[in-house]
């Protein structure tokens, strides 16, 4: 509940800042095609979603930044925990269990405007894990680290009040919190629409 209230307070701050010249705020939502890379997970992408708020801050006609606050889901399906990990490390209760990770993601994107409608976005993203399922492992330990760091690159079409975007997120941090035998990283393709206030 505290996390929801905090998110609403930040979004309200975005709206109040929108009155300043050269600053625009809005909301966005879309789909994620994501996978957790690593030999413990099935290869291939799963469908999930994201939503949140964004701010566009212009330095001049060409350059600006676009900070965002997003709730974003990532998922994966274990493939071989029982063969990768010895009995000294608790295996999954169910090797066919679908894993869903909910993140509060904070991308800070540099924006370059091409013409009047297209902009390119790139920058870092830090994500905070909101749910770390302790029933996933028999020992009740956390399987995933509490944070993730990624790089983001994409493009956005900017209409008067409408934004249409696509981007690719590549995780740079090992999110495996069990041991160092297998590196797990998030990969995500995002597409969606946004509405500027």
N, C-alpha and C. Protein backbone atom coordinates (compact mmCIF):
# COMPACT_ATOMS: atom_id res chain seq x y z
N UNK A 1 0.82 -1.19 0.00
CA UNK A 1 0.00 0.00 0.00
C UNK A 1 0.86 1.26 0.00
N UNK A 2 1.96 1.22 0.80
CA UNK A 2 2.86 2.38 0.86
C UNK A 2 3.47 2.66 -0.51
N UNK A 3 3.79 1.59 -1.25
CA UNK A 3 4.40 1.76 -2.57
C UNK A 3 3.41 2.40 -3.54
N UNK A 4 2.14 2.06 -3.43
CA UNK A 4 1.11 2.64 -4.31
C UNK A 4 0.94 4.12 -4.00
N UNK A 5 0.89 4.47 -2.70
CA UNK A 5 0.76 5.87 -2.29
C UNK A 5 1.96 6.68 -2.77
N UNK A 6 3.17 6.11 -2.63
CA UNK A 6 4.38 6.79 -3.08
C UNK A 6 4.34 7.04 -4.58
N UNK A 7 3.90 6.04 -5.34
CA UNK A 7 3.81 6.19 -6.80
C UNK A 7 2.81 7.27 -7.17
N UNK A 8 1.67 7.34 -6.48
CA UNK A 8 0.67 8.37 -6.75
C UNK A 8 1.19 9.76 -6.42
N UNK A 9 1.96 9.87 -5.34
CA UNK A 9 2.54 11.16 -4.96
C UNK A 9 3.53 11.65 -6.02
N UNK A 10 4.34 10.73 -6.53
CA UNK A 10 5.31 11.10 -7.56
C UNK A 10 4.60 11.52 -8.83
N UNK A 11 3.55 10.78 -9.21
CA UNK A 11 2.78 11.13 -10.41
C UNK A 11 2.12 12.49 -10.26
N UNK A 12 1.61 12.80 -9.05
CA UNK A 12 1.01 14.11 -8.78
C UNK A 12 2.06 15.22 -8.92
N UNK A 13 3.28 14.93 -8.47
CA UNK A 13 4.36 15.91 -8.63
C UNK A 13 4.66 16.16 -10.09
N UNK A 14 4.63 15.08 -10.91
CA UNK A 14 4.83 15.23 -12.35
C UNK A 14 3.79 16.18 -12.94
N UNK A 15 2.53 16.01 -12.53
CA UNK A 15 1.45 16.84 -13.07
C UNK A 15 1.64 18.30 -12.68
N UNK A 16 2.03 18.55 -11.45
CA UNK A 16 2.22 19.93 -11.01
C UNK A 16 3.39 20.59 -11.74
N UNK A 17 4.43 19.82 -12.07
CA UNK A 17 5.57 20.37 -12.79
C UNK A 17 5.25 20.66 -14.25
N UNK A 18 4.16 20.08 -14.75
CA UNK A 18 3.82 20.24 -16.16
C UNK A 18 3.43 21.67 -16.50
N UNK A 19 3.14 22.48 -15.49
CA UNK A 19 2.77 23.86 -15.73
C UNK A 19 3.99 24.70 -16.16
N UNK A 20 5.19 24.20 -15.87
CA UNK A 20 6.39 24.94 -16.25
C UNK A 20 6.63 24.83 -17.75
N UNK A 21 7.23 25.87 -18.33
CA UNK A 21 7.47 25.90 -19.77
C UNK A 21 8.56 24.90 -20.14
N UNK A 22 8.35 24.15 -21.24
CA UNK A 22 9.33 23.17 -21.70
C UNK A 22 9.26 21.85 -20.98
N UNK A 23 8.29 21.68 -20.10
CA UNK A 23 8.13 20.42 -19.37
C UNK A 23 6.72 19.90 -19.62
N UNK A 24 6.65 18.64 -20.02
CA UNK A 24 5.36 17.99 -20.26
C UNK A 24 5.33 16.68 -19.47
N UNK A 25 4.16 16.31 -18.99
CA UNK A 25 4.00 15.04 -18.28
C UNK A 25 2.84 14.26 -18.88
N UNK A 26 2.84 12.97 -18.61
CA UNK A 26 1.76 12.14 -19.13
C UNK A 26 1.78 10.76 -18.50
N UNK A 27 0.89 9.93 -18.97
CA UNK A 27 0.79 8.54 -18.53
C UNK A 27 0.99 7.65 -19.75
N UNK A 28 1.45 6.41 -19.48
CA UNK A 28 1.70 5.48 -20.57
C UNK A 28 1.41 4.06 -20.12
N UNK A 29 1.14 3.20 -21.10
CA UNK A 29 0.89 1.78 -20.83
C UNK A 29 1.22 1.00 -22.08
N UNK A 30 1.60 -0.25 -21.89
CA UNK A 30 1.92 -1.06 -23.06
C UNK A 30 2.25 -2.49 -22.70
N UNK A 31 2.74 -3.20 -23.69
CA UNK A 31 3.05 -4.62 -23.56
C UNK A 31 4.56 -4.83 -23.46
N UNK A 32 4.95 -5.87 -22.74
CA UNK A 32 6.33 -6.31 -22.64
C UNK A 32 6.46 -7.69 -23.28
N UNK A 33 7.45 -7.86 -24.11
CA UNK A 33 7.90 -9.19 -24.51
C UNK A 33 9.21 -9.38 -23.78
N UNK A 34 9.23 -10.26 -22.80
CA UNK A 34 10.40 -10.35 -21.95
C UNK A 34 10.85 -11.80 -21.76
N UNK A 35 12.13 -11.92 -21.39
CA UNK A 35 12.64 -13.23 -21.01
C UNK A 35 13.74 -13.03 -19.98
N UNK A 36 13.92 -14.06 -19.18
CA UNK A 36 15.03 -14.11 -18.24
C UNK A 36 16.06 -15.04 -18.88
N UNK A 37 17.21 -14.50 -19.22
CA UNK A 37 18.25 -15.29 -19.88
C UNK A 37 19.07 -16.04 -18.85
N UNK A 38 19.47 -17.23 -19.19
CA UNK A 38 20.27 -18.08 -18.31
C UNK A 38 19.91 -19.53 -18.58
N UNK A 39 20.85 -20.44 -18.32
CA UNK A 39 20.59 -21.84 -18.64
C UNK A 39 19.50 -22.46 -17.78
N UNK A 40 19.10 -21.78 -16.71
CA UNK A 40 18.03 -22.31 -15.85
C UNK A 40 16.64 -21.99 -16.37
N UNK A 41 16.55 -21.16 -17.43
CA UNK A 41 15.25 -20.72 -17.93
C UNK A 41 15.07 -21.11 -19.39
N UNK A 42 13.81 -21.36 -19.76
CA UNK A 42 13.48 -21.65 -21.14
C UNK A 42 13.81 -20.44 -22.01
N UNK A 43 14.28 -20.73 -23.22
CA UNK A 43 14.55 -19.66 -24.17
C UNK A 43 13.22 -19.21 -24.78
N UNK A 44 13.13 -17.95 -25.16
CA UNK A 44 11.88 -17.44 -25.73
C UNK A 44 11.30 -16.35 -24.87
N UNK A 45 10.42 -15.57 -25.48
CA UNK A 45 9.85 -14.40 -24.82
C UNK A 45 8.43 -14.69 -24.32
N UNK A 46 8.07 -14.09 -23.19
CA UNK A 46 6.74 -14.17 -22.62
C UNK A 46 6.10 -12.79 -22.65
N UNK A 47 4.77 -12.76 -22.69
CA UNK A 47 4.03 -11.50 -22.75
C UNK A 47 3.62 -11.04 -21.36
N UNK A 48 3.88 -9.78 -21.06
CA UNK A 48 3.40 -9.15 -19.82
C UNK A 48 3.11 -7.68 -20.15
N UNK A 49 3.08 -6.80 -19.17
CA UNK A 49 2.69 -5.42 -19.45
C UNK A 49 3.36 -4.45 -18.49
N UNK A 50 3.20 -3.17 -18.78
CA UNK A 50 3.74 -2.11 -17.94
C UNK A 50 2.82 -0.90 -18.01
N UNK A 51 2.89 -0.04 -17.01
CA UNK A 51 2.18 1.24 -17.02
C UNK A 51 2.85 2.19 -16.04
N UNK A 52 2.59 3.48 -16.23
CA UNK A 52 3.19 4.46 -15.33
C UNK A 52 3.10 5.86 -15.88
N UNK A 53 4.04 6.71 -15.46
CA UNK A 53 4.05 8.11 -15.86
C UNK A 53 5.39 8.50 -16.45
N UNK A 54 5.39 9.58 -17.22
CA UNK A 54 6.62 10.08 -17.82
C UNK A 54 6.64 11.59 -17.79
N UNK A 55 7.85 12.13 -17.96
CA UNK A 55 8.06 13.56 -18.02
C UNK A 55 9.00 13.85 -19.18
N UNK A 56 8.69 14.85 -19.96
CA UNK A 56 9.56 15.29 -21.04
C UNK A 56 10.09 16.68 -20.69
N UNK A 57 11.39 16.80 -20.59
CA UNK A 57 12.03 18.07 -20.23
C UNK A 57 12.93 18.48 -21.38
N UNK A 58 12.62 19.59 -22.02
CA UNK A 58 13.38 20.06 -23.18
C UNK A 58 14.53 20.97 -22.76
N UNK A 59 15.73 20.71 -23.30
CA UNK A 59 16.85 21.63 -23.18
C UNK A 59 16.81 22.65 -24.31
N UNK A 60 16.47 22.16 -25.50
CA UNK A 60 16.29 22.99 -26.69
C UNK A 60 15.40 22.21 -27.66
N UNK A 61 15.34 22.60 -28.91
CA UNK A 61 14.44 21.94 -29.86
C UNK A 61 14.87 20.51 -30.19
N UNK A 62 16.16 20.21 -30.02
CA UNK A 62 16.67 18.90 -30.40
C UNK A 62 16.86 17.96 -29.21
N UNK A 63 17.34 18.47 -28.10
CA UNK A 63 17.75 17.62 -26.99
C UNK A 63 16.87 17.80 -25.76
N UNK A 64 16.71 16.73 -25.02
CA UNK A 64 15.96 16.76 -23.78
C UNK A 64 16.17 15.47 -23.01
N UNK A 65 15.53 15.36 -21.88
CA UNK A 65 15.55 14.12 -21.11
C UNK A 65 14.12 13.67 -20.85
N UNK A 66 13.98 12.39 -20.61
CA UNK A 66 12.65 11.82 -20.37
C UNK A 66 12.73 10.85 -19.19
N UNK A 67 12.59 11.34 -17.96
CA UNK A 67 12.51 10.43 -16.82
C UNK A 67 11.13 9.79 -16.74
N UNK A 68 11.07 8.56 -16.28
CA UNK A 68 9.81 7.83 -16.19
C UNK A 68 9.74 7.06 -14.87
N UNK A 69 8.54 6.72 -14.48
CA UNK A 69 8.30 5.85 -13.33
C UNK A 69 7.27 4.82 -13.78
N UNK A 70 7.71 3.55 -13.87
CA UNK A 70 6.86 2.51 -14.45
C UNK A 70 6.74 1.32 -13.51
N UNK A 71 5.55 0.75 -13.46
CA UNK A 71 5.38 -0.59 -12.91
C UNK A 71 5.50 -1.53 -14.11
N UNK A 72 6.43 -2.47 -14.03
CA UNK A 72 6.71 -3.33 -15.17
C UNK A 72 6.88 -4.76 -14.71
N UNK A 73 6.31 -5.68 -15.47
CA UNK A 73 6.36 -7.09 -15.11
C UNK A 73 7.30 -7.84 -16.04
N UNK A 74 8.08 -8.75 -15.47
CA UNK A 74 8.95 -9.64 -16.24
C UNK A 74 8.60 -11.06 -15.83
N UNK A 75 8.75 -12.00 -16.76
CA UNK A 75 8.39 -13.38 -16.43
C UNK A 75 9.31 -14.35 -17.15
N UNK A 76 9.31 -15.57 -16.66
CA UNK A 76 10.10 -16.63 -17.26
C UNK A 76 9.66 -17.96 -16.72
N UNK A 77 10.08 -19.02 -17.39
CA UNK A 77 9.72 -20.37 -16.97
C UNK A 77 11.00 -21.17 -16.76
N UNK A 78 11.20 -21.74 -15.56
CA UNK A 78 12.41 -22.52 -15.30
C UNK A 78 12.48 -23.73 -16.21
N UNK A 79 13.71 -24.08 -16.60
CA UNK A 79 13.86 -25.25 -17.45
C UNK A 79 14.66 -26.36 -16.80
N UNK A 80 15.70 -26.00 -16.05
CA UNK A 80 16.60 -27.07 -15.59
C UNK A 80 17.21 -26.80 -14.23
N UNK A 81 16.44 -26.24 -13.30
CA UNK A 81 16.98 -25.99 -11.97
C UNK A 81 17.54 -27.27 -11.35
N UNK A 82 16.81 -28.36 -11.51
CA UNK A 82 17.19 -29.58 -10.82
C UNK A 82 18.47 -30.18 -11.36
N UNK A 83 18.82 -29.86 -12.62
CA UNK A 83 20.08 -30.36 -13.16
C UNK A 83 21.22 -29.37 -12.93
N UNK A 84 20.90 -28.08 -12.81
CA UNK A 84 21.94 -27.08 -12.62
C UNK A 84 22.41 -27.05 -11.17
N UNK A 85 21.47 -27.18 -10.23
CA UNK A 85 21.80 -27.02 -8.83
C UNK A 85 21.86 -28.37 -8.11
N UNK A 86 22.83 -28.50 -7.26
CA UNK A 86 22.97 -29.72 -6.49
C UNK A 86 21.96 -29.72 -5.36
N UNK A 87 21.89 -30.81 -4.63
CA UNK A 87 20.91 -30.89 -3.54
C UNK A 87 21.27 -29.95 -2.40
N UNK A 88 22.51 -29.45 -2.36
CA UNK A 88 22.88 -28.49 -1.31
C UNK A 88 22.21 -27.14 -1.52
N UNK A 89 21.78 -26.88 -2.74
CA UNK A 89 21.02 -25.67 -3.04
C UNK A 89 19.60 -26.10 -3.35
N UNK A 90 18.65 -25.49 -2.67
CA UNK A 90 17.26 -25.94 -2.80
C UNK A 90 16.75 -25.77 -4.22
N UNK A 91 16.26 -26.81 -4.87
CA UNK A 91 15.71 -26.68 -6.22
C UNK A 91 14.31 -26.08 -6.18
N UNK A 92 13.78 -25.77 -7.33
CA UNK A 92 12.41 -25.29 -7.41
C UNK A 92 11.45 -26.37 -6.96
N UNK A 93 10.37 -25.95 -6.34
CA UNK A 93 9.32 -26.89 -5.99
C UNK A 93 8.71 -27.49 -7.24
N UNK A 94 8.55 -26.68 -8.27
CA UNK A 94 7.91 -27.13 -9.50
C UNK A 94 8.68 -26.54 -10.68
N UNK A 95 9.35 -27.39 -11.45
CA UNK A 95 10.13 -26.93 -12.58
C UNK A 95 9.29 -26.31 -13.67
N UNK A 96 7.97 -26.52 -13.65
CA UNK A 96 7.09 -25.94 -14.67
C UNK A 96 6.41 -24.67 -14.19
N UNK A 97 6.78 -24.18 -13.03
CA UNK A 97 6.14 -22.99 -12.46
C UNK A 97 6.53 -21.74 -13.24
N UNK A 98 5.55 -20.92 -13.59
CA UNK A 98 5.80 -19.64 -14.25
C UNK A 98 6.21 -18.62 -13.20
N UNK A 99 7.30 -17.93 -13.45
CA UNK A 99 7.81 -16.93 -12.52
C UNK A 99 7.42 -15.55 -13.02
N UNK A 100 6.82 -14.73 -12.16
CA UNK A 100 6.46 -13.36 -12.51
C UNK A 100 7.14 -12.43 -11.53
N UNK A 101 7.89 -11.48 -12.06
CA UNK A 101 8.61 -10.50 -11.25
C UNK A 101 8.03 -9.12 -11.54
N UNK A 102 7.59 -8.44 -10.49
CA UNK A 102 7.04 -7.09 -10.61
C UNK A 102 8.11 -6.09 -10.19
N UNK A 103 8.40 -5.15 -11.08
CA UNK A 103 9.44 -4.15 -10.83
C UNK A 103 8.85 -2.74 -10.84
N UNK A 104 9.41 -1.88 -9.99
CA UNK A 104 9.22 -0.44 -10.11
C UNK A 104 10.45 0.06 -10.87
N UNK A 105 10.26 0.41 -12.14
CA UNK A 105 11.37 0.77 -13.02
C UNK A 105 11.47 2.28 -13.18
N UNK A 106 12.70 2.77 -13.16
CA UNK A 106 12.95 4.20 -13.26
C UNK A 106 13.97 4.42 -14.39
N UNK A 107 13.48 4.57 -15.64
CA UNK A 107 14.39 4.91 -16.73
C UNK A 107 14.66 6.42 -16.75
N UNK A 108 15.89 6.79 -17.06
CA UNK A 108 16.27 8.19 -17.25
C UNK A 108 16.87 8.28 -18.65
N UNK A 109 16.05 8.72 -19.60
CA UNK A 109 16.40 8.64 -21.01
C UNK A 109 16.80 9.99 -21.58
N UNK A 110 17.87 9.99 -22.35
CA UNK A 110 18.23 11.15 -23.14
C UNK A 110 17.40 11.10 -24.41
N UNK A 111 16.82 12.23 -24.79
CA UNK A 111 15.92 12.28 -25.95
C UNK A 111 16.50 13.19 -27.02
N UNK A 112 16.53 12.69 -28.27
CA UNK A 112 16.98 13.48 -29.41
C UNK A 112 15.84 13.53 -30.42
N UNK A 113 15.37 14.75 -30.72
CA UNK A 113 14.24 14.93 -31.63
C UNK A 113 14.72 15.03 -33.07
N UNK A 114 14.12 14.20 -33.93
CA UNK A 114 14.40 14.22 -35.36
C UNK A 114 13.16 14.78 -36.05
N UNK A 115 13.28 15.97 -36.60
CA UNK A 115 12.10 16.59 -37.20
C UNK A 115 11.09 16.94 -36.11
N UNK A 116 9.84 16.99 -36.47
CA UNK A 116 8.83 17.38 -35.50
C UNK A 116 8.08 16.23 -34.87
N UNK A 117 8.30 15.00 -35.35
CA UNK A 117 7.44 13.90 -34.90
C UNK A 117 8.20 12.74 -34.26
N UNK A 118 9.45 12.52 -34.64
CA UNK A 118 10.19 11.34 -34.18
C UNK A 118 11.27 11.75 -33.20
N UNK A 119 11.39 10.96 -32.11
CA UNK A 119 12.51 11.16 -31.19
C UNK A 119 13.13 9.80 -30.87
N UNK A 120 14.45 9.83 -30.66
CA UNK A 120 15.20 8.65 -30.25
C UNK A 120 15.51 8.77 -28.77
N UNK A 121 15.37 7.65 -28.04
CA UNK A 121 15.58 7.65 -26.60
C UNK A 121 16.63 6.61 -26.23
N UNK A 122 17.51 6.94 -25.30
CA UNK A 122 18.49 5.98 -24.80
C UNK A 122 18.94 6.42 -23.42
N UNK A 123 19.25 5.44 -22.57
CA UNK A 123 19.74 5.76 -21.24
C UNK A 123 19.64 4.60 -20.28
N UNK A 124 20.02 4.82 -19.04
CA UNK A 124 20.00 3.77 -18.03
C UNK A 124 18.62 3.60 -17.40
N UNK A 125 18.41 2.43 -16.83
CA UNK A 125 17.17 2.15 -16.09
C UNK A 125 17.52 1.35 -14.85
N UNK A 126 17.04 1.82 -13.70
CA UNK A 126 17.19 1.07 -12.46
C UNK A 126 15.81 0.56 -12.05
N UNK A 127 15.75 -0.69 -11.66
CA UNK A 127 14.47 -1.30 -11.29
C UNK A 127 14.56 -1.91 -9.90
N UNK A 128 13.51 -1.72 -9.13
CA UNK A 128 13.40 -2.26 -7.77
C UNK A 128 12.38 -3.39 -7.79
N UNK A 129 12.81 -4.58 -7.35
CA UNK A 129 11.92 -5.74 -7.33
C UNK A 129 10.90 -5.57 -6.21
N UNK A 130 9.62 -5.64 -6.56
CA UNK A 130 8.54 -5.44 -5.59
C UNK A 130 8.08 -6.75 -4.95
N UNK A 131 8.27 -7.87 -5.66
CA UNK A 131 7.87 -9.16 -5.10
C UNK A 131 8.99 -10.15 -5.30
N UNK A 132 9.47 -10.75 -4.21
CA UNK A 132 10.49 -11.79 -4.30
C UNK A 132 9.90 -13.03 -3.66
N UNK A 133 9.33 -13.90 -4.49
CA UNK A 133 8.55 -15.05 -4.04
C UNK A 133 9.41 -16.03 -3.26
N UNK A 134 9.23 -16.07 -1.94
CA UNK A 134 10.02 -16.96 -1.10
C UNK A 134 9.47 -18.38 -1.08
N UNK A 135 8.34 -18.63 -1.76
CA UNK A 135 7.84 -20.00 -1.89
C UNK A 135 8.44 -20.68 -3.11
N UNK A 136 9.22 -19.94 -3.88
CA UNK A 136 9.80 -20.49 -5.10
C UNK A 136 10.81 -21.58 -4.79
N UNK A 137 11.61 -21.39 -3.75
CA UNK A 137 12.62 -22.36 -3.36
C UNK A 137 12.17 -23.10 -2.11
N UNK A 138 12.59 -24.36 -1.99
CA UNK A 138 12.18 -25.17 -0.85
C UNK A 138 12.68 -24.60 0.47
N UNK A 139 13.81 -23.90 0.44
CA UNK A 139 14.38 -23.35 1.67
C UNK A 139 13.71 -22.07 2.11
N UNK A 140 12.86 -21.49 1.25
CA UNK A 140 12.23 -20.21 1.59
C UNK A 140 13.16 -19.03 1.38
N UNK A 141 14.30 -19.23 0.69
CA UNK A 141 15.21 -18.14 0.40
C UNK A 141 14.71 -17.35 -0.81
N UNK A 142 15.26 -16.14 -0.94
CA UNK A 142 14.96 -15.33 -2.12
C UNK A 142 15.77 -15.86 -3.30
N UNK A 143 15.12 -15.99 -4.45
CA UNK A 143 15.82 -16.46 -5.65
C UNK A 143 16.38 -15.31 -6.47
N UNK A 144 15.77 -14.11 -6.36
CA UNK A 144 16.16 -13.00 -7.22
C UNK A 144 16.63 -11.81 -6.40
N UNK A 145 17.62 -11.10 -6.91
CA UNK A 145 18.12 -9.90 -6.24
C UNK A 145 17.05 -8.82 -6.25
N UNK A 146 17.17 -7.88 -5.31
CA UNK A 146 16.14 -6.86 -5.11
C UNK A 146 16.18 -5.73 -6.14
N UNK A 147 17.22 -5.66 -6.95
CA UNK A 147 17.31 -4.60 -7.93
C UNK A 147 17.89 -5.10 -9.23
N UNK A 148 17.69 -4.32 -10.27
CA UNK A 148 18.23 -4.65 -11.59
C UNK A 148 18.65 -3.36 -12.27
N UNK A 149 19.73 -3.43 -13.05
CA UNK A 149 20.21 -2.28 -13.79
C UNK A 149 20.24 -2.64 -15.27
N UNK A 150 19.71 -1.77 -16.12
CA UNK A 150 19.61 -2.06 -17.55
C UNK A 150 19.92 -0.82 -18.36
N UNK A 151 20.16 -1.03 -19.64
CA UNK A 151 20.26 0.05 -20.61
C UNK A 151 19.06 -0.03 -21.55
N UNK A 152 18.56 1.12 -21.95
CA UNK A 152 17.33 1.22 -22.74
C UNK A 152 17.64 2.00 -24.02
N UNK A 153 17.10 1.53 -25.15
CA UNK A 153 17.20 2.28 -26.41
C UNK A 153 15.91 2.07 -27.19
N UNK A 154 15.42 3.14 -27.81
CA UNK A 154 14.19 3.02 -28.57
C UNK A 154 13.84 4.28 -29.32
N UNK A 155 12.63 4.29 -29.86
CA UNK A 155 12.13 5.43 -30.63
C UNK A 155 10.70 5.73 -30.22
N UNK A 156 10.28 6.97 -30.46
CA UNK A 156 8.94 7.40 -30.06
C UNK A 156 8.38 8.36 -31.11
N UNK A 157 7.11 8.15 -31.45
CA UNK A 157 6.40 9.08 -32.31
C UNK A 157 5.62 10.05 -31.43
N UNK A 158 5.79 11.34 -31.67
CA UNK A 158 5.20 12.37 -30.82
C UNK A 158 4.15 13.15 -31.59
N UNK A 159 2.90 12.90 -31.25
CA UNK A 159 1.80 13.69 -31.78
C UNK A 159 1.40 14.70 -30.71
N UNK A 160 0.39 15.49 -30.95
CA UNK A 160 0.08 16.57 -30.02
C UNK A 160 -0.12 16.06 -28.59
N UNK A 161 -1.03 15.12 -28.41
CA UNK A 161 -1.27 14.57 -27.08
C UNK A 161 -0.95 13.08 -26.98
N UNK A 162 -0.60 12.48 -28.09
CA UNK A 162 -0.39 11.03 -28.15
C UNK A 162 1.08 10.70 -28.36
N UNK A 163 1.55 9.65 -27.68
CA UNK A 163 2.90 9.12 -27.85
C UNK A 163 2.77 7.63 -28.20
N UNK A 164 3.51 7.20 -29.22
CA UNK A 164 3.59 5.78 -29.60
C UNK A 164 5.06 5.41 -29.57
N UNK A 165 5.42 4.37 -28.82
CA UNK A 165 6.84 4.10 -28.61
C UNK A 165 7.15 2.60 -28.67
N UNK A 166 8.41 2.34 -28.95
CA UNK A 166 8.97 1.00 -28.89
C UNK A 166 10.40 1.10 -28.39
N UNK A 167 10.81 0.13 -27.59
CA UNK A 167 12.17 0.17 -27.03
C UNK A 167 12.65 -1.22 -26.65
N UNK A 168 13.95 -1.32 -26.48
CA UNK A 168 14.57 -2.57 -26.06
C UNK A 168 15.36 -2.32 -24.79
N UNK A 169 15.15 -3.16 -23.77
CA UNK A 169 15.86 -3.06 -22.50
C UNK A 169 16.76 -4.29 -22.35
N UNK A 170 18.02 -4.07 -22.09
CA UNK A 170 18.95 -5.18 -21.86
C UNK A 170 19.51 -5.08 -20.45
N UNK A 171 19.26 -6.11 -19.64
CA UNK A 171 19.76 -6.13 -18.28
C UNK A 171 21.26 -6.34 -18.24
N UNK A 172 21.94 -5.56 -17.41
CA UNK A 172 23.39 -5.65 -17.28
C UNK A 172 23.82 -6.31 -15.98
N UNK A 173 22.87 -6.57 -15.10
CA UNK A 173 23.18 -7.09 -13.77
C UNK A 173 22.69 -8.52 -13.62
N UNK A 174 23.47 -9.35 -12.95
CA UNK A 174 23.05 -10.71 -12.63
C UNK A 174 22.01 -10.65 -11.51
N UNK A 175 20.79 -11.12 -11.80
CA UNK A 175 19.72 -11.05 -10.79
C UNK A 175 19.58 -12.35 -10.01
N UNK A 176 20.47 -13.31 -10.24
CA UNK A 176 20.47 -14.57 -9.50
C UNK A 176 20.95 -14.32 -8.08
N UNK A 177 20.11 -14.58 -7.10
CA UNK A 177 20.46 -14.37 -5.69
C UNK A 177 20.71 -15.69 -4.97
N UNK A 178 20.82 -16.79 -5.74
CA UNK A 178 21.07 -18.10 -5.12
C UNK A 178 22.56 -18.37 -5.03
N UNK A 179 23.24 -18.32 -6.18
CA UNK A 179 24.68 -18.52 -6.23
C UNK A 179 25.20 -17.95 -7.54
N UNK A 180 26.47 -18.18 -7.83
CA UNK A 180 27.09 -17.64 -9.04
C UNK A 180 27.27 -18.69 -10.14
N UNK A 181 26.57 -19.81 -10.05
CA UNK A 181 26.73 -20.86 -11.05
C UNK A 181 26.09 -20.49 -12.38
N UNK A 182 25.06 -19.70 -12.35
CA UNK A 182 24.32 -19.36 -13.57
C UNK A 182 23.96 -17.88 -13.52
N UNK A 183 24.30 -17.13 -14.57
CA UNK A 183 23.98 -15.71 -14.63
C UNK A 183 22.59 -15.54 -15.24
N UNK A 184 21.71 -14.82 -14.53
CA UNK A 184 20.36 -14.52 -15.02
C UNK A 184 20.29 -13.04 -15.33
N UNK A 185 19.79 -12.69 -16.50
CA UNK A 185 19.60 -11.29 -16.86
C UNK A 185 18.24 -11.11 -17.54
N UNK A 186 17.66 -9.95 -17.34
CA UNK A 186 16.39 -9.60 -17.97
C UNK A 186 16.63 -9.02 -19.36
N UNK A 187 15.78 -9.39 -20.29
CA UNK A 187 15.72 -8.75 -21.60
C UNK A 187 14.26 -8.44 -21.87
N UNK A 188 14.02 -7.30 -22.51
CA UNK A 188 12.63 -6.87 -22.67
C UNK A 188 12.46 -6.00 -23.92
N UNK A 189 11.43 -6.31 -24.68
CA UNK A 189 10.99 -5.46 -25.78
C UNK A 189 9.68 -4.83 -25.34
N UNK A 190 9.59 -3.52 -25.38
CA UNK A 190 8.39 -2.82 -24.92
C UNK A 190 7.78 -2.05 -26.09
N UNK A 191 6.46 -2.03 -26.12
CA UNK A 191 5.71 -1.20 -27.08
C UNK A 191 4.48 -0.69 -26.37
N UNK A 192 4.10 0.54 -26.66
CA UNK A 192 2.94 1.08 -26.00
C UNK A 192 2.56 2.46 -26.47
N UNK A 193 1.58 3.03 -25.79
CA UNK A 193 1.11 4.38 -26.09
C UNK A 193 1.10 5.21 -24.82
N UNK A 194 1.27 6.51 -25.00
CA UNK A 194 1.23 7.43 -23.88
C UNK A 194 0.33 8.62 -24.23
N UNK A 195 -0.17 9.27 -23.19
CA UNK A 195 -1.01 10.45 -23.36
C UNK A 195 -0.42 11.59 -22.54
N UNK A 196 -0.14 12.69 -23.23
CA UNK A 196 0.42 13.87 -22.59
C UNK A 196 -0.71 14.75 -22.05
N UNK A 197 -0.53 15.26 -20.84
CA UNK A 197 -1.53 16.16 -20.24
C UNK A 197 -1.38 17.55 -20.82
